[in-house]
Amino acid sequence: MITGGAGFIGSALCRHYLNHSSHEILNLDALTYAADLSALSEFNRSSRHQFIQADLREAETLEPVFRERQPDGVIHLAAESHVDRSIDGPADFIETNIVGTFNLLQAARRYHMNLDSRRKEKFRFLHVSTDEVYGSLGDSGYFTEETAYAPNSPYSASKAAADHLVRAWRHTFSLPAIISNCSNNYGPYQFPEKLIPLMILNALEGRPLPVYGDGLNVRDWLYVEDHARALALIFEKGRPGEKYNIGGRNEVSNLEVVAGICRLLDELRPRAAGQPYSGLVSHVPDRPGHDRRYAVDAAKIKRELGWQPEENFESGLRRTVEWYLANEGWWRHQKEVSSRRLGLI
């Protein structure tokens, strides 16, 4: 069972499993604004991909799904995830990320209790979280699995609360749960309100490229297909009760991200008049509470499970820009949903 399987990371994980394993996938998603089943259209006729529209906030819908579909495990990705939206409307983040996770944990716990010993031993609950729960770093250092939580936005606070619930259900109820905390994802099918697709699409339309503040906020960028491989590996081989940080080892400032996109577009889709896309960059007021730097130490997952990213930022960004250039029909439809700036007080 993959919750949020029609979302950006969830659909990448579904594609990974369906392309590289024999697993049957039960995809639960509420189909809110950023969900898109077309990201899985190649599997519309596959008997190995079953979709159920379900909202985790509605607890009564979950137990029948467990009872009737009998999953061997859960990978929980369903969440509200955009920091700016959490500033505009934090209630949705509390309800989905905290209450929804609680409802899922309760349903999974009751289901797990009633499994026979063989299936009980095999069952896993992987909760997919974010490095933003750790707060903001200075100019040096890295987030490790032992870093204390210090969330600074409504989004990261809601994810931190969900992490704590999962940890408690492991220790109190012996649910075989694992937590992963990833850095910033990017790649195909990402909803256009996020930084990289927003900049690509604004540039293609000749619109300003809005950079928050001085643009020197640093993130560790992780190509979404690398993340999907990591999640599958943690689910199969990770140890219940453990946390695993997943990072791309690609620390890049927002200004550098935008500059890289502009260079690629100058090469791949030059403007008619020949001007560089960098001329569209516009600095705008910073996001309230904008964390300065995130950087993830992913040594544990490499050491214990043998995972490391296959894409560096340059190769992943090129693949991403090329995908958006080749899929204009998809992003034009999605862009209609996210046309105004959020996250201003």
C-alpha atoms as a PDB file:
ATOM      1  CA  MET A   1       0.000   0.000   0.000  1.00  0.00           C
ATOM      2  CA  ILE A   2       1.408   3.382  -1.049  1.00  0.00           C
ATOM      3  CA  THR A   3      -0.467   6.404   0.286  1.00  0.00           C
ATOM      4  CA  GLY A   4      -0.171   9.551  -1.802  1.00  0.00           C
ATOM      5  CA  GLY A   5       0.690   7.417  -4.817  1.00  0.00           C
ATOM      6  CA  ALA A   6      -0.695   9.979  -7.266  1.00  0.00           C
ATOM      7  CA  GLY A   7       1.589  12.693  -5.924  1.00  0.00           C
ATOM      8  CA  PHE A   8       5.032  13.666  -7.184  1.00  0.00           C
ATOM      9  CA  ILE A   9       7.187  11.326  -5.086  1.00  0.00           C
ATOM     10  CA  GLY A  10       4.460   8.716  -4.650  1.00  0.00           C
ATOM     11  CA  SER A  11       3.907   8.289  -8.385  1.00  0.00           C
ATOM     12  CA  ALA A  12       7.683   8.017  -8.918  1.00  0.00           C
ATOM     13  CA  LEU A  13       7.749   5.234  -6.313  1.00  0.00           C
ATOM     14  CA  CYS A  14       4.812   3.471  -7.976  1.00  0.00           C
ATOM     15  CA  ARG A  15       6.570   3.666 -11.358  1.00  0.00           C
ATOM     16  CA  HIS A  16       9.757   2.308  -9.799  1.00  0.00           C
ATOM     17  CA  TYR A  17       8.003  -0.716  -8.321  1.00  0.00           C
ATOM     18  CA  LEU A  18       5.931  -1.422 -11.418  1.00  0.00           C
ATOM     19  CA  ASN A  19       8.957  -1.164 -13.716  1.00  0.00           C
ATOM     20  CA  HIS A  20      11.542  -2.917 -11.539  1.00  0.00           C
ATOM     21  CA  SER A  21       9.730  -5.494  -9.410  1.00  0.00           C
ATOM     22  CA  SER A  22       6.875  -7.978  -9.413  1.00  0.00           C
ATOM     23  CA  HIS A  23       5.050  -6.276  -6.526  1.00  0.00           C
ATOM     24  CA  GLU A  24       1.369  -5.419  -6.767  1.00  0.00           C
ATOM     25  CA  ILE A  25       0.746  -1.801  -5.761  1.00  0.00           C
ATOM     26  CA  LEU A  26      -2.344  -0.565  -3.924  1.00  0.00           C
ATOM     27  CA  ASN A  27      -2.337   3.194  -4.486  1.00  0.00           C
ATOM     28  CA  LEU A  28      -4.366   5.297  -2.013  1.00  0.00           C
ATOM     29  CA  ASP A  29      -4.747   8.987  -2.786  1.00  0.00           C
ATOM     30  CA  ALA A  30      -7.342  11.657  -2.028  1.00  0.00           C
ATOM     31  CA  LEU A  31      -6.644  13.329  -5.409  1.00  0.00           C
ATOM     32  CA  THR A  32      -6.245  16.829  -4.024  1.00  0.00           C
ATOM     33  CA  TYR A  33      -4.910  19.697  -6.159  1.00  0.00           C
ATOM     34  CA  ALA A  34      -1.335  18.388  -6.679  1.00  0.00           C
ATOM     35  CA  ALA A  35      -2.231  14.738  -7.344  1.00  0.00           C
ATOM     36  CA  ASP A  36      -2.190  13.501 -10.922  1.00  0.00           C
ATOM     37  CA  LEU A  37      -2.980   9.964 -12.023  1.00  0.00           C
ATOM     38  CA  SER A  38      -1.707  10.737 -15.524  1.00  0.00           C
ATOM     39  CA  ALA A  39       1.781  10.262 -14.070  1.00  0.00           C
ATOM     40  CA  LEU A  40       0.839   6.566 -13.966  1.00  0.00           C
ATOM     41  CA  SER A  41      -1.108   6.380 -17.227  1.00  0.00           C
ATOM     42  CA  GLU A  42       1.262   3.768 -18.688  1.00  0.00           C
ATOM     43  CA  PHE A  43      -0.053   1.358 -16.057  1.00  0.00           C
ATOM     44  CA  ASN A  44      -3.776   2.000 -16.581  1.00  0.00           C
ATOM     45  CA  ARG A  45      -4.320  -1.559 -17.776  1.00  0.00           C
ATOM     46  CA  SER A  46      -1.900  -3.231 -15.417  1.00  0.00           C
ATOM     47  CA  SER A  47      -3.436  -5.651 -12.925  1.00  0.00           C
ATOM     48  CA  ARG A  48      -0.479  -4.870 -10.637  1.00  0.00           C
ATOM     49  CA  HIS A  49      -1.596  -1.268 -10.043  1.00  0.00           C
ATOM     50  CA  GLN A  50      -4.878  -0.784  -8.191  1.00  0.00           C
ATOM     51  CA  PHE A  51      -6.082   2.703  -7.292  1.00  0.00           C
ATOM     52  CA  ILE A  52      -8.453   3.650  -4.473  1.00  0.00           C
ATOM     53  CA  GLN A  53      -9.503   7.246  -3.883  1.00  0.00           C
ATOM     54  CA  ALA A  54      -9.359   7.649  -0.110  1.00  0.00           C
ATOM     55  CA  ASP A  55      -8.807  10.545   2.288  1.00  0.00           C
ATOM     56  CA  LEU A  56      -6.744   9.680   5.357  1.00  0.00           C
ATOM     57  CA  ARG A  57      -8.667  12.273   7.344  1.00  0.00           C
ATOM     58  CA  GLU A  58     -11.701   9.965   7.100  1.00  0.00           C
ATOM     59  CA  ALA A  59     -10.688   7.209   9.510  1.00  0.00           C
ATOM     60  CA  GLU A  60     -13.676   5.004   8.810  1.00  0.00           C
ATOM     61  CA  THR A  61     -12.540   4.429   5.204  1.00  0.00           C
ATOM     62  CA  LEU A  62      -9.196   2.878   6.128  1.00  0.00           C
ATOM     63  CA  GLU A  63      -9.960  -0.315   8.055  1.00  0.00           C
ATOM     64  CA  PRO A  64     -12.101  -1.826   5.259  1.00  0.00           C
ATOM     65  CA  VAL A  65      -9.230  -1.221   2.826  1.00  0.00           C
ATOM     66  CA  PHE A  66      -6.776  -3.078   5.059  1.00  0.00           C
ATOM     67  CA  ARG A  67      -9.247  -5.869   5.721  1.00  0.00           C
ATOM     68  CA  GLU A  68     -10.234  -6.403   2.090  1.00  0.00           C
ATOM     69  CA  ARG A  69      -6.894  -5.777   0.327  1.00  0.00           C
ATOM     70  CA  GLN A  70      -4.539  -7.401   2.889  1.00  0.00           C
ATOM     71  CA  PRO A  71      -1.366  -5.396   2.172  1.00  0.00           C
ATOM     72  CA  ASP A  72       2.047  -6.747   3.155  1.00  0.00           C
ATOM     73  CA  GLY A  73       3.152  -3.262   4.186  1.00  0.00           C
ATOM     74  CA  VAL A  74       2.552   0.470   3.950  1.00  0.00           C
ATOM     75  CA  ILE A  75       4.698   3.257   2.509  1.00  0.00           C
ATOM     76  CA  HIS A  76       3.136   6.481   3.727  1.00  0.00           C
ATOM     77  CA  LEU A  77       3.728   9.502   1.484  1.00  0.00           C
ATOM     78  CA  ALA A  78       0.318  11.211   1.560  1.00  0.00           C
ATOM     79  CA  ALA A  79       0.829  14.754   2.852  1.00  0.00           C
ATOM     80  CA  GLU A  80       0.345  18.425   2.269  1.00  0.00           C
ATOM     81  CA  SER A  81       3.874  19.470   1.377  1.00  0.00           C
ATOM     82  CA  HIS A  82       4.252  23.073   0.175  1.00  0.00           C
ATOM     83  CA  VAL A  83       5.689  25.466   2.771  1.00  0.00           C
ATOM     84  CA  ASP A  84       4.046  28.541   1.230  1.00  0.00           C
ATOM     85  CA  ARG A  85       0.625  26.905   1.354  1.00  0.00           C
ATOM     86  CA  SER A  86       1.210  26.009   5.013  1.00  0.00           C
ATOM     87  CA  ILE A  87       1.740  29.700   5.747  1.00  0.00           C
ATOM     88  CA  ASP A  88      -1.472  30.631   3.940  1.00  0.00           C
ATOM     89  CA  GLY A  89      -3.577  27.814   5.389  1.00  0.00           C
ATOM     90  CA  PRO A  90      -1.984  25.720   8.141  1.00  0.00           C
ATOM     91  CA  ALA A  91      -5.223  23.906   9.072  1.00  0.00           C
ATOM     92  CA  ASP A  92      -5.023  21.567   6.054  1.00  0.00           C
ATOM     93  CA  PHE A  93      -1.511  20.571   7.101  1.00  0.00           C
ATOM     94  CA  ILE A  94      -2.586  19.774  10.657  1.00  0.00           C
ATOM     95  CA  GLU A  95      -5.537  17.719   9.480  1.00  0.00           C
ATOM     96  CA  THR A  96      -3.775  15.770   6.722  1.00  0.00           C
ATOM     97  CA  ASN A  97      -0.231  15.389   8.023  1.00  0.00           C
ATOM     98  CA  ILE A  98      -1.012  14.840  11.701  1.00  0.00           C
ATOM     99  CA  VAL A  99      -4.604  13.572  11.982  1.00  0.00           C
ATOM    100  CA  GLY A 100      -4.308  11.629   8.714  1.00  0.00           C
ATOM    101  CA  THR A 101      -1.114   9.939   9.891  1.00  0.00           C
ATOM    102  CA  PHE A 102      -2.738   9.097  13.230  1.00  0.00           C
ATOM    103  CA  ASN A 103      -5.722   7.516  11.449  1.00  0.00           C
ATOM    104  CA  LEU A 104      -3.438   5.464   9.217  1.00  0.00           C
ATOM    105  CA  LEU A 105      -1.311   4.321  12.161  1.00  0.00           C
ATOM    106  CA  GLN A 106      -4.386   3.176  14.055  1.00  0.00           C
ATOM    107  CA  ALA A 107      -5.732   1.230  11.098  1.00  0.00           C
ATOM    108  CA  ALA A 108      -2.317  -0.313  10.409  1.00  0.00           C
ATOM    109  CA  ARG A 109      -1.836  -1.238  14.083  1.00  0.00           C
ATOM    110  CA  ARG A 110      -5.156  -3.042  14.325  1.00  0.00           C
ATOM    111  CA  TYR A 111      -4.517  -4.816  11.027  1.00  0.00           C
ATOM    112  CA  HIS A 112      -0.993  -5.846  12.069  1.00  0.00           C
ATOM    113  CA  MET A 113      -2.216  -7.246  15.406  1.00  0.00           C
ATOM    114  CA  ASN A 114      -4.489  -9.708  13.619  1.00  0.00           C
ATOM    115  CA  LEU A 115      -1.993 -11.039  11.081  1.00  0.00           C
ATOM    116  CA  ASP A 116      -0.609 -14.548  11.429  1.00  0.00           C
ATOM    117  CA  SER A 117       2.942 -14.770  12.750  1.00  0.00           C
ATOM    118  CA  ARG A 118       4.580 -15.117   9.332  1.00  0.00           C
ATOM    119  CA  ARG A 119       2.845 -12.096   7.812  1.00  0.00           C
ATOM    120  CA  LYS A 120       3.222 -10.107  11.034  1.00  0.00           C
ATOM    121  CA  GLU A 121       6.986 -10.590  10.893  1.00  0.00           C
ATOM    122  CA  LYS A 122       7.087  -9.462   7.253  1.00  0.00           C
ATOM    123  CA  PHE A 123       4.880  -6.360   7.642  1.00  0.00           C
ATOM    124  CA  ARG A 124       6.527  -2.912   7.514  1.00  0.00           C
ATOM    125  CA  PHE A 125       5.212   0.653   7.901  1.00  0.00           C
ATOM    126  CA  LEU A 126       7.544   3.187   6.236  1.00  0.00           C
ATOM    127  CA  HIS A 127       6.768   6.815   7.005  1.00  0.00           C
ATOM    128  CA  VAL A 128       8.290   9.235   4.489  1.00  0.00           C
ATOM    129  CA  SER A 129       9.245  12.587   6.008  1.00  0.00           C
ATOM    130  CA  THR A 130      11.465  15.593   5.298  1.00  0.00           C
ATOM    131  CA  ASP A 131      14.753  17.105   6.407  1.00  0.00           C
ATOM    132  CA  GLU A 132      12.825  20.287   7.220  1.00  0.00           C
ATOM    133  CA  VAL A 133      11.853  18.793  10.595  1.00  0.00           C
ATOM    134  CA  TYR A 134      15.426  19.470  11.724  1.00  0.00           C
ATOM    135  CA  GLY A 135      15.192  23.241  11.244  1.00  0.00           C
ATOM    136  CA  SER A 136      17.908  25.412   9.752  1.00  0.00           C
ATOM    137  CA  LEU A 137      21.670  24.846   9.547  1.00  0.00           C
ATOM    138  CA  GLY A 138      24.435  27.424   9.657  1.00  0.00           C
ATOM    139  CA  ASP A 139      27.213  27.571   7.095  1.00  0.00           C
ATOM    140  CA  SER A 140      28.615  24.196   8.143  1.00  0.00           C
ATOM    141  CA  GLY A 141      27.461  20.841   9.459  1.00  0.00           C
ATOM    142  CA  TYR A 142      24.879  18.288   8.347  1.00  0.00           C
ATOM    143  CA  PHE A 143      21.596  16.834   9.538  1.00  0.00           C
ATOM    144  CA  THR A 144      22.066  13.311  10.876  1.00  0.00           C
ATOM    145  CA  GLU A 145      19.514  10.848  12.175  1.00  0.00           C
ATOM    146  CA  GLU A 146      20.375  12.072  15.698  1.00  0.00           C
ATOM    147  CA  THR A 147      19.798  15.781  14.974  1.00  0.00           C
ATOM    148  CA  ALA A 148      17.213  17.305  17.328  1.00  0.00           C
ATOM    149  CA  TYR A 149      13.955  18.434  15.773  1.00  0.00           C
ATOM    150  CA  ALA A 150      13.450  22.191  15.401  1.00  0.00           C
ATOM    151  CA  PRO A 151      10.771  22.787  12.737  1.00  0.00           C
ATOM    152  CA  ASN A 152      10.257  26.405  11.676  1.00  0.00           C
ATOM    153  CA  SER A 153       7.201  26.357   9.381  1.00  0.00           C
ATOM    154  CA  PRO A 154       3.669  25.010   9.814  1.00  0.00           C
ATOM    155  CA  TYR A 155       4.527  22.379   7.191  1.00  0.00           C
ATOM    156  CA  SER A 156       7.679  21.135   8.915  1.00  0.00           C
ATOM    157  CA  ALA A 157       5.984  21.252  12.327  1.00  0.00           C
ATOM    158  CA  SER A 158       3.169  19.046  11.028  1.00  0.00           C
ATOM    159  CA  LYS A 159       5.659  16.567   9.576  1.00  0.00           C
ATOM    160  CA  ALA A 160       7.664  16.559  12.825  1.00  0.00           C
ATOM    161  CA  ALA A 161       4.488  15.759  14.742  1.00  0.00           C
ATOM    162  CA  ALA A 162       3.751  12.896  12.345  1.00  0.00           C
ATOM    163  CA  ASP A 163       7.299  11.557  12.806  1.00  0.00           C
ATOM    164  CA  HIS A 164       6.810  11.564  16.581  1.00  0.00           C
ATOM    165  CA  LEU A 165       3.518   9.701  16.250  1.00  0.00           C
ATOM    166  CA  VAL A 166       5.151   7.014  14.131  1.00  0.00           C
ATOM    167  CA  ARG A 167       8.000   6.662  16.624  1.00  0.00           C
ATOM    168  CA  ALA A 168       5.505   6.367  19.496  1.00  0.00           C
ATOM    169  CA  TRP A 169       3.432   3.704  17.711  1.00  0.00           C
ATOM    170  CA  ARG A 170       6.636   1.732  17.202  1.00  0.00           C
ATOM    171  CA  HIS A 171       7.668   1.898  20.862  1.00  0.00           C
ATOM    172  CA  THR A 172       4.232   1.673  22.482  1.00  0.00           C
ATOM    173  CA  PHE A 173       2.380  -0.685  20.150  1.00  0.00           C
ATOM    174  CA  SER A 174       5.296  -2.553  18.495  1.00  0.00           C
ATOM    175  CA  LEU A 175       4.224  -1.484  15.023  1.00  0.00           C
ATOM    176  CA  PRO A 176       7.237  -2.316  12.790  1.00  0.00           C
ATOM    177  CA  ALA A 177       7.688   1.269  11.653  1.00  0.00           C
ATOM    178  CA  ILE A 178      10.612   3.000   9.935  1.00  0.00           C
ATOM    179  CA  ILE A 179      11.056   6.729   9.256  1.00  0.00           C
ATOM    180  CA  SER A 180      12.918   8.314   6.348  1.00  0.00           C
ATOM    181  CA  ASN A 181      13.806  12.009   6.089  1.00  0.00           C
ATOM    182  CA  CYS A 182      14.661  13.269   2.614  1.00  0.00           C
ATOM    183  CA  SER A 183      16.130  16.449   1.180  1.00  0.00           C
ATOM    184  CA  ASN A 184      14.512  18.575  -1.561  1.00  0.00           C
ATOM    185  CA  ASN A 185      13.186  16.447  -4.433  1.00  0.00           C
ATOM    186  CA  TYR A 186      12.987  17.469  -8.082  1.00  0.00           C
ATOM    187  CA  GLY A 187      12.302  15.754 -11.397  1.00  0.00           C
ATOM    188  CA  PRO A 188       9.450  14.847 -13.792  1.00  0.00           C
ATOM    189  CA  TYR A 189       5.801  15.439 -12.842  1.00  0.00           C
ATOM    190  CA  GLN A 190       6.543  17.892 -10.018  1.00  0.00           C
ATOM    191  CA  PHE A 191       3.678  20.306  -9.426  1.00  0.00           C
ATOM    192  CA  PRO A 192       4.527  23.758 -10.854  1.00  0.00           C
ATOM    193  CA  GLU A 193       4.357  25.656  -7.556  1.00  0.00           C
ATOM    194  CA  LYS A 194       7.741  24.184  -6.476  1.00  0.00           C
ATOM    195  CA  LEU A 195      10.955  26.071  -7.263  1.00  0.00           C
ATOM    196  CA  ILE A 196      12.459  24.141 -10.170  1.00  0.00           C
ATOM    197  CA  PRO A 197       9.330  23.571 -12.292  1.00  0.00           C
ATOM    198  CA  LEU A 198       8.097  27.095 -11.508  1.00  0.00           C
ATOM    199  CA  MET A 199      11.316  28.601 -12.852  1.00  0.00           C
ATOM    200  CA  ILE A 200      11.345  26.389 -15.954  1.00  0.00           C
ATOM    201  CA  LEU A 201       7.760  27.185 -16.859  1.00  0.00           C
ATOM    202  CA  ASN A 202       7.919  30.900 -16.059  1.00  0.00           C
ATOM    203  CA  ALA A 203      11.026  31.183 -18.221  1.00  0.00           C
ATOM    204  CA  LEU A 204       9.349  29.404 -21.145  1.00  0.00           C
ATOM    205  CA  GLU A 205       6.458  31.871 -20.916  1.00  0.00           C
ATOM    206  CA  GLY A 206       8.755  34.906 -20.635  1.00  0.00           C
ATOM    207  CA  ARG A 207       7.549  35.649 -17.105  1.00  0.00           C
ATOM    208  CA  PRO A 208       9.712  36.909 -14.197  1.00  0.00           C
ATOM    209  CA  LEU A 209      11.743  34.322 -12.290  1.00  0.00           C
ATOM    210  CA  PRO A 210      10.984  35.266  -8.653  1.00  0.00           C
ATOM    211  CA  VAL A 211      13.833  34.525  -6.240  1.00  0.00           C
ATOM    212  CA  TYR A 212      13.095  34.907  -2.529  1.00  0.00           C
ATOM    213  CA  GLY A 213      15.291  37.409  -0.674  1.00  0.00           C
ATOM    214  CA  ASP A 214      18.974  37.332  -1.633  1.00  0.00           C
ATOM    215  CA  GLY A 215      18.620  33.865  -3.180  1.00  0.00           C
ATOM    216  CA  LEU A 216      21.447  32.402  -1.087  1.00  0.00           C
ATOM    217  CA  ASN A 217      19.295  29.898   0.813  1.00  0.00           C
ATOM    218  CA  VAL A 218      20.891  26.478   0.282  1.00  0.00           C
ATOM    219  CA  ARG A 219      19.166  23.131  -0.239  1.00  0.00           C
ATOM    220  CA  ASP A 220      20.438  19.594  -0.807  1.00  0.00           C
ATOM    221  CA  TRP A 221      18.781  18.476  -4.060  1.00  0.00           C
ATOM    222  CA  LEU A 222      17.671  14.868  -4.598  1.00  0.00           C
ATOM    223  CA  TYR A 223      16.485  13.531  -7.955  1.00  0.00           C
ATOM    224  CA  VAL A 224      13.105  11.909  -7.413  1.00  0.00           C
ATOM    225  CA  GLU A 225      14.014   8.593  -9.044  1.00  0.00           C
ATOM    226  CA  ASP A 226      17.011   8.275  -6.705  1.00  0.00           C
ATOM    227  CA  HIS A 227      14.606   8.877  -3.813  1.00  0.00           C
ATOM    228  CA  ALA A 228      12.244   6.179  -5.089  1.00  0.00           C
ATOM    229  CA  ARG A 229      15.102   3.662  -5.183  1.00  0.00           C
ATOM    230  CA  ALA A 230      16.043   4.586  -1.621  1.00  0.00           C
ATOM    231  CA  LEU A 231      12.494   4.156  -0.339  1.00  0.00           C
ATOM    232  CA  ALA A 232      12.124   0.740  -1.947  1.00  0.00           C
ATOM    233  CA  LEU A 233      15.427  -0.324  -0.391  1.00  0.00           C
ATOM    234  CA  ILE A 234      14.464   0.946   3.083  1.00  0.00           C
ATOM    235  CA  PHE A 235      11.096  -0.792   2.857  1.00  0.00           C
ATOM    236  CA  GLU A 236      12.708  -4.097   1.855  1.00  0.00           C
ATOM    237  CA  LYS A 237      15.833  -4.058   4.040  1.00  0.00           C
ATOM    238  CA  GLY A 238      15.539  -1.273   6.624  1.00  0.00           C
ATOM    239  CA  ARG A 239      15.299  -2.117  10.310  1.00  0.00           C
ATOM    240  CA  PRO A 240      12.055  -1.339  12.188  1.00  0.00           C
ATOM    241  CA  GLY A 241      12.565   1.411  14.740  1.00  0.00           C
ATOM    242  CA  GLU A 242      15.314   3.065  12.671  1.00  0.00           C
ATOM    243  CA  LYS A 243      15.499   6.391  10.839  1.00  0.00           C
ATOM    244  CA  TYR A 244      17.284   6.897   7.534  1.00  0.00           C
ATOM    245  CA  ASN A 245      18.255  10.249   6.046  1.00  0.00           C
ATOM    246  CA  ILE A 246      18.160  10.416   2.237  1.00  0.00           C
ATOM    247  CA  GLY A 247      20.122  13.198   0.545  1.00  0.00           C
ATOM    248  CA  GLY A 248      21.467  13.904  -2.906  1.00  0.00           C
ATOM    249  CA  ARG A 249      24.817  15.338  -1.764  1.00  0.00           C
ATOM    250  CA  ASN A 250      24.044  18.365  -3.922  1.00  0.00           C
ATOM    251  CA  GLU A 251      24.130  21.588  -1.903  1.00  0.00           C
ATOM    252  CA  VAL A 252      23.048  24.393  -4.211  1.00  0.00           C
ATOM    253  CA  SER A 253      21.744  27.901  -3.497  1.00  0.00           C
ATOM    254  CA  ASN A 254      18.452  29.018  -4.987  1.00  0.00           C
ATOM    255  CA  LEU A 255      20.324  31.521  -7.180  1.00  0.00           C
ATOM    256  CA  GLU A 256      22.542  28.732  -8.511  1.00  0.00           C
ATOM    257  CA  VAL A 257      19.488  26.585  -9.240  1.00  0.00           C
ATOM    258  CA  VAL A 258      17.892  29.370 -11.271  1.00  0.00           C
ATOM    259  CA  ALA A 259      21.155  30.126 -13.073  1.00  0.00           C
ATOM    260  CA  GLY A 260      21.497  26.443 -14.020  1.00  0.00           C
ATOM    261  CA  ILE A 261      17.967  26.361 -15.412  1.00  0.00           C
ATOM    262  CA  CYS A 262      18.619  29.519 -17.429  1.00  0.00           C
ATOM    263  CA  ARG A 263      21.807  28.081 -18.937  1.00  0.00           C
ATOM    264  CA  LEU A 264      20.046  24.868 -19.943  1.00  0.00           C
ATOM    265  CA  LEU A 265      17.154  26.746 -21.526  1.00  0.00           C
ATOM    266  CA  ASP A 266      19.562  29.053 -23.382  1.00  0.00           C
ATOM    267  CA  GLU A 267      21.007  25.865 -24.891  1.00  0.00           C
ATOM    268  CA  LEU A 268      17.866  23.779 -25.394  1.00  0.00           C
ATOM    269  CA  ARG A 269      15.171  26.390 -26.111  1.00  0.00           C
ATOM    270  CA  PRO A 270      16.839  29.752 -26.903  1.00  0.00           C
ATOM    271  CA  ARG A 271      14.615  32.830 -26.830  1.00  0.00           C
ATOM    272  CA  ALA A 272      13.537  34.226 -30.187  1.00  0.00           C
ATOM    273  CA  ALA A 273      15.382  37.521 -29.749  1.00  0.00           C
ATOM    274  CA  GLY A 274      18.472  35.821 -28.396  1.00  0.00           C
ATOM    275  CA  GLN A 275      18.393  37.347 -24.883  1.00  0.00           C
ATOM    276  CA  PRO A 276      19.556  35.092 -22.050  1.00  0.00           C
ATOM    277  CA  TYR A 277      16.880  33.785 -19.703  1.00  0.00           C
ATOM    278  CA  SER A 278      18.880  35.142 -16.764  1.00  0.00           C
ATOM    279  CA  GLY A 279      17.490  38.580 -17.600  1.00  0.00           C
ATOM    280  CA  LEU A 280      14.124  37.403 -16.231  1.00  0.00           C
ATOM    281  CA  VAL A 281      15.446  36.896 -12.673  1.00  0.00           C
ATOM    282  CA  SER A 282      13.635  39.115 -10.154  1.00  0.00           C
ATOM    283  CA  HIS A 283      14.280  39.246  -6.397  1.00  0.00           C
ATOM    284  CA  VAL A 284      11.067  39.342  -4.335  1.00  0.00           C
ATOM    285  CA  PRO A 285      10.371  39.651  -0.581  1.00  0.00           C
ATOM    286  CA  ASP A 286      11.578  36.623   1.327  1.00  0.00           C
ATOM    287  CA  ARG A 287       9.309  33.903   2.686  1.00  0.00           C
ATOM    288  CA  PRO A 288       8.523  34.381   6.408  1.00  0.00           C
ATOM    289  CA  GLY A 289      10.771  32.156   8.520  1.00  0.00           C
ATOM    290  CA  HIS A 290      12.751  30.984   5.480  1.00  0.00           C
ATOM    291  CA  ASP A 291      15.344  28.429   6.673  1.00  0.00           C
ATOM    292  CA  ARG A 292      18.841  29.359   5.497  1.00  0.00           C
ATOM    293  CA  ARG A 293      20.441  26.010   4.766  1.00  0.00           C
ATOM    294  CA  TYR A 294      19.640  22.300   4.726  1.00  0.00           C
ATOM    295  CA  ALA A 295      22.282  19.615   4.194  1.00  0.00           C
ATOM    296  CA  VAL A 296      21.782  15.902   4.805  1.00  0.00           C
ATOM    297  CA  ASP A 297      24.295  13.315   5.958  1.00  0.00           C
ATOM    298  CA  ALA A 298      23.179  10.159   4.129  1.00  0.00           C
ATOM    299  CA  ALA A 299      26.086   8.010   5.360  1.00  0.00           C
ATOM    300  CA  LYS A 300      23.843   5.633   7.308  1.00  0.00           C
ATOM    301  CA  ILE A 301      21.732   4.492   4.363  1.00  0.00           C
ATOM    302  CA  LYS A 302      24.878   4.055   2.266  1.00  0.00           C
ATOM    303  CA  ARG A 303      26.654   2.123   5.022  1.00  0.00           C
ATOM    304  CA  GLU A 304      23.756  -0.124   6.047  1.00  0.00           C
ATOM    305  CA  LEU A 305      21.781  -0.539   2.816  1.00  0.00           C
ATOM    306  CA  GLY A 306      24.248   0.336   0.057  1.00  0.00           C
ATOM    307  CA  TRP A 307      22.259   3.223  -1.431  1.00  0.00           C
ATOM    308  CA  GLN A 308      23.729   6.302  -3.023  1.00  0.00           C
ATOM    309  CA  PRO A 309      22.306   8.717  -5.611  1.00  0.00           C
ATOM    310  CA  GLU A 310      22.928   7.986  -9.279  1.00  0.00           C
ATOM    311  CA  GLU A 311      22.256  11.541 -10.468  1.00  0.00           C
ATOM    312  CA  ASN A 312      24.325  14.587  -9.594  1.00  0.00           C
ATOM    313  CA  PHE A 313      22.583  17.943  -9.723  1.00  0.00           C
ATOM    314  CA  GLU A 314      23.820  18.801 -13.206  1.00  0.00           C
ATOM    315  CA  SER A 315      22.648  15.545 -14.785  1.00  0.00           C
ATOM    316  CA  GLY A 316      19.372  15.499 -12.866  1.00  0.00           C
ATOM    317  CA  LEU A 317      18.576  19.110 -13.715  1.00  0.00           C
ATOM    318  CA  ARG A 318      19.230  18.469 -17.405  1.00  0.00           C
ATOM    319  CA  ARG A 319      16.912  15.456 -17.360  1.00  0.00           C
ATOM    320  CA  THR A 320      14.270  17.548 -15.593  1.00  0.00           C
ATOM    321  CA  VAL A 321      14.423  20.494 -18.001  1.00  0.00           C
ATOM    322  CA  GLU A 322      14.324  18.144 -20.979  1.00  0.00           C
ATOM    323  CA  TRP A 323      11.246  16.411 -19.531  1.00  0.00           C
ATOM    324  CA  TYR A 324       9.330  19.673 -19.101  1.00  0.00           C
ATOM    325  CA  LEU A 325      10.263  20.767 -22.616  1.00  0.00           C
ATOM    326  CA  ALA A 326       8.890  17.481 -23.955  1.00  0.00           C
ATOM    327  CA  ASN A 327       5.664  17.536 -21.901  1.00  0.00           C
ATOM    328  CA  GLU A 328       4.123  20.948 -22.422  1.00  0.00           C
ATOM    329  CA  GLY A 329       0.588  19.588 -22.501  1.00  0.00           C
ATOM    330  CA  TRP A 330       0.970  18.182 -18.986  1.00  0.00           C
ATOM    331  CA  TRP A 331       2.428  21.279 -17.360  1.00  0.00           C
ATOM    332  CA  ARG A 332       0.103  23.791 -19.022  1.00  0.00           C
ATOM    333  CA  HIS A 333      -2.852  21.978 -17.488  1.00  0.00           C
ATOM    334  CA  GLN A 334      -1.190  21.799 -14.067  1.00  0.00           C
ATOM    335  CA  LYS A 335      -0.065  25.419 -14.116  1.00  0.00           C
ATOM    336  CA  GLU A 336      -3.661  26.613 -14.225  1.00  0.00           C
ATOM    337  CA  VAL A 337      -4.009  25.366 -10.633  1.00  0.00           C
ATOM    338  CA  SER A 338      -1.050  27.371  -9.252  1.00  0.00           C
ATOM    339  CA  SER A 339      -1.043  30.856 -10.715  1.00  0.00           C
ATOM    340  CA  ARG A 340      -0.522  33.149  -7.700  1.00  0.00           C
ATOM    341  CA  ARG A 341       2.146  33.535  -5.054  1.00  0.00           C
ATOM    342  CA  LEU A 342       1.395  31.984  -1.689  1.00  0.00           C
ATOM    343  CA  GLY A 343       3.059  32.283   1.691  1.00  0.00           C
ATOM    344  CA  LEU A 344       2.832  36.010   2.316  1.00  0.00           C
ATOM    345  CA  ILE A 345       1.568  37.267   5.673  1.00  0.00           C
END
